[in-house]
């Protein structure tokens, strides 16, 4: 059953964003929020699964965040991460004119850290 669900998800991704298939490497130089999770500085892979962006660190899924897949006004040669107030707002995917748009989410209080 899980295999069917996985195949359906992959098929949906292939149809919805054929040019954005696969995973993309990003490097964060400072703590950055995606959804309600704060990612530590480091390297991550981002994959699109339907309307979800899945961030992995090696083979471990770190966070899944809702994202809207949109057509960008330009094709980028390298994956670009746009942030605002330490929150990821967009990721433009390398070799495509596809971008992932993240809605602003309420983050936890980091003043105690």
N, C-alpha and C. Protein backbone atom coordinates (compact mmCIF):
# COMPACT_ATOMS: atom_id res chain seq x y z
N UNK A 1 0.82 -1.19 0.00
CA UNK A 1 0.00 0.00 0.00
C UNK A 1 0.86 1.26 0.00
N UNK A 2 1.93 1.25 0.81
CA UNK A 2 2.82 2.41 0.84
C UNK A 2 3.49 2.62 -0.50
N UNK A 3 3.81 1.53 -1.20
CA UNK A 3 4.43 1.65 -2.51
C UNK A 3 3.48 2.31 -3.49
N UNK A 4 2.19 1.96 -3.43
CA UNK A 4 1.20 2.59 -4.30
C UNK A 4 1.10 4.08 -4.00
N UNK A 5 1.10 4.42 -2.72
CA UNK A 5 1.01 5.82 -2.32
C UNK A 5 2.24 6.59 -2.80
N UNK A 6 3.41 5.95 -2.66
CA UNK A 6 4.66 6.58 -3.12
C UNK A 6 4.62 6.78 -4.63
N UNK A 7 4.18 5.77 -5.36
CA UNK A 7 4.13 5.87 -6.82
C UNK A 7 3.13 6.95 -7.24
N UNK A 8 2.00 7.04 -6.56
CA UNK A 8 1.02 8.07 -6.87
C UNK A 8 1.62 9.45 -6.62
N UNK A 9 2.32 9.61 -5.49
CA UNK A 9 2.95 10.89 -5.18
C UNK A 9 4.00 11.27 -6.21
N UNK A 10 4.81 10.30 -6.60
CA UNK A 10 5.84 10.58 -7.61
C UNK A 10 5.22 10.89 -8.96
N UNK A 11 4.15 10.18 -9.30
CA UNK A 11 3.46 10.46 -10.56
C UNK A 11 2.86 11.85 -10.58
N UNK A 12 2.28 12.25 -9.47
CA UNK A 12 1.71 13.59 -9.36
C UNK A 12 2.78 14.66 -9.52
N UNK A 13 3.91 14.43 -8.87
CA UNK A 13 5.01 15.38 -8.99
C UNK A 13 5.48 15.47 -10.43
N UNK A 14 5.63 14.33 -11.07
CA UNK A 14 6.12 14.31 -12.46
C UNK A 14 5.19 15.08 -13.37
N UNK A 15 3.89 14.94 -13.17
CA UNK A 15 2.95 15.64 -14.01
C UNK A 15 2.88 17.13 -13.68
N UNK A 16 2.89 17.44 -12.40
CA UNK A 16 2.72 18.84 -11.98
C UNK A 16 3.95 19.69 -12.25
N UNK A 17 5.11 19.11 -12.01
CA UNK A 17 6.35 19.88 -12.17
C UNK A 17 7.41 19.01 -12.83
N UNK A 18 7.18 18.68 -14.07
CA UNK A 18 8.11 17.81 -14.78
C UNK A 18 9.52 18.40 -14.81
N UNK A 19 9.61 19.69 -14.94
CA UNK A 19 10.93 20.32 -15.01
C UNK A 19 11.60 20.41 -13.65
N UNK A 20 10.86 20.16 -12.58
CA UNK A 20 11.43 20.28 -11.24
C UNK A 20 11.66 18.92 -10.58
N UNK A 21 11.67 17.85 -11.39
CA UNK A 21 11.85 16.51 -10.84
C UNK A 21 13.23 16.38 -10.21
N UNK A 22 13.33 15.56 -9.17
CA UNK A 22 14.61 15.33 -8.51
C UNK A 22 14.73 16.14 -7.25
N UNK A 23 15.95 16.17 -6.73
CA UNK A 23 16.19 16.95 -5.53
C UNK A 23 17.24 18.01 -5.83
N UNK A 24 17.25 19.01 -5.01
CA UNK A 24 18.14 20.16 -5.22
C UNK A 24 18.90 20.44 -3.94
N UNK A 25 20.16 20.75 -4.06
CA UNK A 25 21.01 21.03 -2.91
C UNK A 25 20.92 22.50 -2.54
N UNK A 26 20.80 22.75 -1.24
CA UNK A 26 20.89 24.11 -0.72
C UNK A 26 21.86 24.11 0.45
N UNK A 27 22.47 25.26 0.68
CA UNK A 27 23.36 25.44 1.82
C UNK A 27 22.87 26.65 2.59
N UNK A 28 22.64 26.45 3.87
CA UNK A 28 22.20 27.55 4.75
C UNK A 28 23.38 27.95 5.62
N UNK A 29 23.71 29.23 5.62
CA UNK A 29 24.86 29.72 6.38
C UNK A 29 24.49 30.16 7.79
N UNK A 30 23.20 30.23 8.07
CA UNK A 30 22.74 30.64 9.40
C UNK A 30 21.44 29.90 9.71
N UNK A 31 21.03 29.86 10.97
CA UNK A 31 19.75 29.22 11.30
C UNK A 31 18.62 29.87 10.50
N UNK A 32 17.79 29.04 9.89
CA UNK A 32 16.75 29.54 9.00
C UNK A 32 15.47 28.74 9.23
N UNK A 33 14.35 29.44 9.26
CA UNK A 33 13.05 28.80 9.46
C UNK A 33 12.44 28.38 8.14
N UNK A 34 11.85 27.19 8.13
CA UNK A 34 10.99 26.76 7.03
C UNK A 34 9.74 26.20 7.70
N UNK A 35 8.60 26.81 7.39
CA UNK A 35 7.38 26.45 8.12
C UNK A 35 7.55 26.78 9.59
N UNK A 36 7.33 25.79 10.45
CA UNK A 36 7.46 26.01 11.89
C UNK A 36 8.72 25.35 12.45
N UNK A 37 9.65 24.97 11.56
CA UNK A 37 10.88 24.31 11.98
C UNK A 37 12.09 25.17 11.65
N UNK A 38 12.99 25.30 12.60
CA UNK A 38 14.22 26.03 12.36
C UNK A 38 15.30 25.05 11.95
N UNK A 39 15.89 25.29 10.77
CA UNK A 39 16.98 24.46 10.27
C UNK A 39 18.30 25.04 10.73
N UNK A 40 19.21 24.18 11.13
CA UNK A 40 20.55 24.60 11.52
C UNK A 40 21.35 24.91 10.26
N UNK A 41 22.42 25.71 10.37
CA UNK A 41 23.27 25.93 9.21
C UNK A 41 23.81 24.59 8.71
N UNK A 42 23.91 24.48 7.38
CA UNK A 42 24.43 23.24 6.80
C UNK A 42 23.84 22.99 5.43
N UNK A 43 24.13 21.80 4.91
CA UNK A 43 23.68 21.39 3.58
C UNK A 43 22.43 20.53 3.69
N UNK A 44 21.49 20.78 2.79
CA UNK A 44 20.24 20.04 2.75
C UNK A 44 19.90 19.73 1.30
N UNK A 45 19.09 18.70 1.11
CA UNK A 45 18.49 18.41 -0.19
C UNK A 45 17.02 18.77 -0.06
N UNK A 46 16.47 19.37 -1.11
CA UNK A 46 15.06 19.72 -1.15
C UNK A 46 14.44 18.97 -2.32
N UNK A 47 13.36 18.26 -2.05
CA UNK A 47 12.61 17.56 -3.09
C UNK A 47 11.16 18.02 -3.01
N UNK A 48 10.50 18.04 -4.16
CA UNK A 48 9.10 18.43 -4.22
C UNK A 48 8.25 17.17 -4.30
N UNK A 49 7.30 17.07 -3.40
CA UNK A 49 6.34 15.95 -3.41
C UNK A 49 4.95 16.55 -3.37
N UNK A 50 4.36 16.71 -4.53
CA UNK A 50 3.04 17.35 -4.62
C UNK A 50 3.13 18.80 -4.22
N UNK A 51 2.42 19.18 -3.16
CA UNK A 51 2.48 20.56 -2.68
C UNK A 51 3.29 20.65 -1.39
N UNK A 52 4.27 19.74 -1.27
CA UNK A 52 5.12 19.71 -0.09
C UNK A 52 6.58 19.73 -0.50
N UNK A 53 7.37 20.55 0.18
CA UNK A 53 8.82 20.54 0.00
C UNK A 53 9.40 19.71 1.14
N UNK A 54 10.21 18.73 0.79
CA UNK A 54 10.80 17.84 1.79
C UNK A 54 12.29 18.15 1.89
N UNK A 55 12.72 18.54 3.08
CA UNK A 55 14.11 18.87 3.34
C UNK A 55 14.75 17.67 4.03
N UNK A 56 15.87 17.19 3.48
CA UNK A 56 16.58 16.07 4.08
C UNK A 56 18.02 16.45 4.37
N UNK A 57 18.55 15.82 5.39
CA UNK A 57 19.95 15.98 5.80
C UNK A 57 20.54 14.58 5.71
N UNK A 58 21.22 14.29 4.60
CA UNK A 58 21.64 12.92 4.38
C UNK A 58 20.43 12.10 3.99
N UNK A 59 20.16 11.03 4.70
CA UNK A 59 19.00 10.20 4.40
C UNK A 59 17.82 10.47 5.33
N UNK A 60 18.00 11.37 6.28
CA UNK A 60 16.97 11.66 7.27
C UNK A 60 16.14 12.87 6.85
N UNK A 61 14.81 12.72 6.87
CA UNK A 61 13.93 13.85 6.60
C UNK A 61 13.95 14.78 7.80
N UNK A 62 14.27 16.04 7.55
CA UNK A 62 14.35 17.03 8.62
C UNK A 62 13.01 17.72 8.81
N UNK A 63 12.40 18.11 7.69
CA UNK A 63 11.12 18.80 7.76
C UNK A 63 10.39 18.68 6.43
N UNK A 64 9.08 18.65 6.51
CA UNK A 64 8.21 18.74 5.35
C UNK A 64 7.40 20.01 5.52
N UNK A 65 7.38 20.85 4.50
CA UNK A 65 6.68 22.12 4.61
C UNK A 65 5.81 22.34 3.38
N UNK A 66 4.60 22.87 3.58
CA UNK A 66 3.75 23.17 2.43
C UNK A 66 4.38 24.26 1.57
N UNK A 67 4.32 24.05 0.27
CA UNK A 67 4.89 25.02 -0.66
C UNK A 67 4.04 25.04 -1.92
N UNK A 68 3.97 26.19 -2.54
CA UNK A 68 3.28 26.34 -3.80
C UNK A 68 4.32 26.31 -4.91
N UNK A 69 4.10 25.49 -5.92
CA UNK A 69 5.01 25.42 -7.07
C UNK A 69 4.51 26.42 -8.09
N UNK A 70 5.40 27.35 -8.47
CA UNK A 70 5.02 28.40 -9.43
C UNK A 70 6.08 28.52 -10.51
N UNK A 71 5.69 29.12 -11.59
CA UNK A 71 6.60 29.42 -12.70
C UNK A 71 7.28 30.76 -12.39
N UNK A 72 8.59 30.78 -12.47
CA UNK A 72 9.36 31.99 -12.21
C UNK A 72 9.45 32.81 -13.49
N UNK A 73 9.84 34.07 -13.36
CA UNK A 73 9.99 34.92 -14.53
C UNK A 73 11.30 34.68 -15.26
N UNK A 74 12.17 33.83 -14.67
CA UNK A 74 13.45 33.54 -15.32
C UNK A 74 13.95 32.16 -14.92
N UNK A 75 14.79 31.61 -15.78
CA UNK A 75 15.43 30.33 -15.50
C UNK A 75 16.72 30.62 -14.73
N UNK A 76 17.00 29.83 -13.69
CA UNK A 76 18.21 30.05 -12.90
C UNK A 76 19.19 28.90 -13.15
N UNK A 77 20.48 29.23 -13.11
CA UNK A 77 21.50 28.21 -13.36
C UNK A 77 21.90 27.48 -12.08
N UNK A 78 21.66 28.10 -10.93
CA UNK A 78 21.96 27.47 -9.65
C UNK A 78 20.76 27.69 -8.72
N UNK A 79 20.52 26.74 -7.85
CA UNK A 79 19.39 26.86 -6.92
C UNK A 79 19.61 28.09 -6.02
N UNK A 80 18.58 28.90 -5.90
CA UNK A 80 18.64 30.13 -5.11
C UNK A 80 17.62 30.07 -3.98
N UNK A 81 18.05 30.45 -2.78
CA UNK A 81 17.16 30.48 -1.61
C UNK A 81 16.96 31.93 -1.22
N UNK A 82 15.71 32.35 -1.16
CA UNK A 82 15.38 33.72 -0.74
C UNK A 82 14.79 33.66 0.66
N UNK A 83 15.30 34.53 1.53
CA UNK A 83 14.80 34.56 2.91
C UNK A 83 14.36 35.98 3.27
N UNK A 84 13.52 36.03 4.29
CA UNK A 84 13.10 37.29 4.88
C UNK A 84 12.95 37.06 6.37
N UNK A 85 13.62 37.84 7.19
CA UNK A 85 13.58 37.67 8.65
C UNK A 85 13.91 36.24 9.06
N UNK A 86 14.95 35.67 8.46
CA UNK A 86 15.41 34.30 8.75
C UNK A 86 14.40 33.22 8.41
N UNK A 87 13.46 33.51 7.50
CA UNK A 87 12.47 32.53 7.05
C UNK A 87 12.61 32.35 5.55
N UNK A 88 12.61 31.09 5.10
CA UNK A 88 12.66 30.84 3.66
C UNK A 88 11.33 31.26 3.06
N UNK A 89 11.39 32.13 2.04
CA UNK A 89 10.18 32.57 1.36
C UNK A 89 10.06 31.94 -0.03
N UNK A 90 11.21 31.70 -0.68
CA UNK A 90 11.22 31.10 -2.01
C UNK A 90 12.49 30.29 -2.21
N UNK A 91 12.36 29.25 -3.01
CA UNK A 91 13.53 28.53 -3.51
C UNK A 91 13.34 28.40 -5.01
N UNK A 92 14.27 28.97 -5.79
CA UNK A 92 14.25 28.85 -7.24
C UNK A 92 15.16 27.68 -7.61
N UNK A 93 14.62 26.73 -8.38
CA UNK A 93 15.28 25.45 -8.63
C UNK A 93 16.22 25.50 -9.82
N UNK A 94 17.42 25.03 -9.61
CA UNK A 94 18.50 25.04 -10.59
C UNK A 94 18.09 24.42 -11.93
N UNK A 95 18.43 25.13 -13.01
CA UNK A 95 18.18 24.63 -14.35
C UNK A 95 16.74 24.73 -14.80
N UNK A 96 15.89 25.39 -14.00
CA UNK A 96 14.47 25.49 -14.33
C UNK A 96 13.98 26.93 -14.14
N UNK A 97 12.76 27.15 -14.54
CA UNK A 97 12.09 28.42 -14.22
C UNK A 97 11.00 28.14 -13.19
N UNK A 98 11.23 27.14 -12.35
CA UNK A 98 10.28 26.74 -11.31
C UNK A 98 10.75 27.28 -9.96
N UNK A 99 9.80 27.74 -9.17
CA UNK A 99 10.14 28.18 -7.82
C UNK A 99 9.14 27.61 -6.83
N UNK A 100 9.63 27.39 -5.62
CA UNK A 100 8.79 26.96 -4.51
C UNK A 100 8.53 28.18 -3.65
N UNK A 101 7.28 28.48 -3.38
CA UNK A 101 6.92 29.64 -2.58
C UNK A 101 6.36 29.14 -1.26
N UNK A 102 6.93 29.64 -0.17
CA UNK A 102 6.52 29.24 1.18
C UNK A 102 5.72 30.37 1.80
N UNK A 103 4.57 30.03 2.33
CA UNK A 103 3.77 31.03 3.03
C UNK A 103 4.42 31.35 4.36
N UNK A 104 4.27 32.57 4.80
CA UNK A 104 4.81 32.98 6.08
C UNK A 104 4.14 32.18 7.19
N UNK A 105 4.95 31.64 8.07
CA UNK A 105 4.41 30.86 9.20
C UNK A 105 4.88 31.48 10.49
N UNK A 106 4.09 31.29 11.52
CA UNK A 106 4.48 31.75 12.84
C UNK A 106 5.56 30.83 13.35
N UNK A 107 6.65 31.40 13.79
CA UNK A 107 7.76 30.59 14.30
C UNK A 107 7.78 30.65 15.81
N UNK A 108 8.53 29.74 16.37
CA UNK A 108 8.64 29.71 17.82
C UNK A 108 9.45 30.89 18.33
N UNK A 109 9.40 31.14 19.61
CA UNK A 109 10.15 32.21 20.24
C UNK A 109 11.59 31.75 20.42
N UNK A 110 12.52 32.41 19.76
CA UNK A 110 13.93 32.01 19.85
C UNK A 110 14.69 32.91 20.82
N UNK A 111 14.01 33.81 21.53
CA UNK A 111 14.71 34.73 22.42
C UNK A 111 15.33 34.01 23.62
N UNK A 112 14.83 32.82 23.96
CA UNK A 112 15.36 32.09 25.11
C UNK A 112 16.60 31.27 24.77
N UNK A 113 16.96 31.19 23.49
CA UNK A 113 18.09 30.35 23.07
C UNK A 113 19.40 31.03 23.24
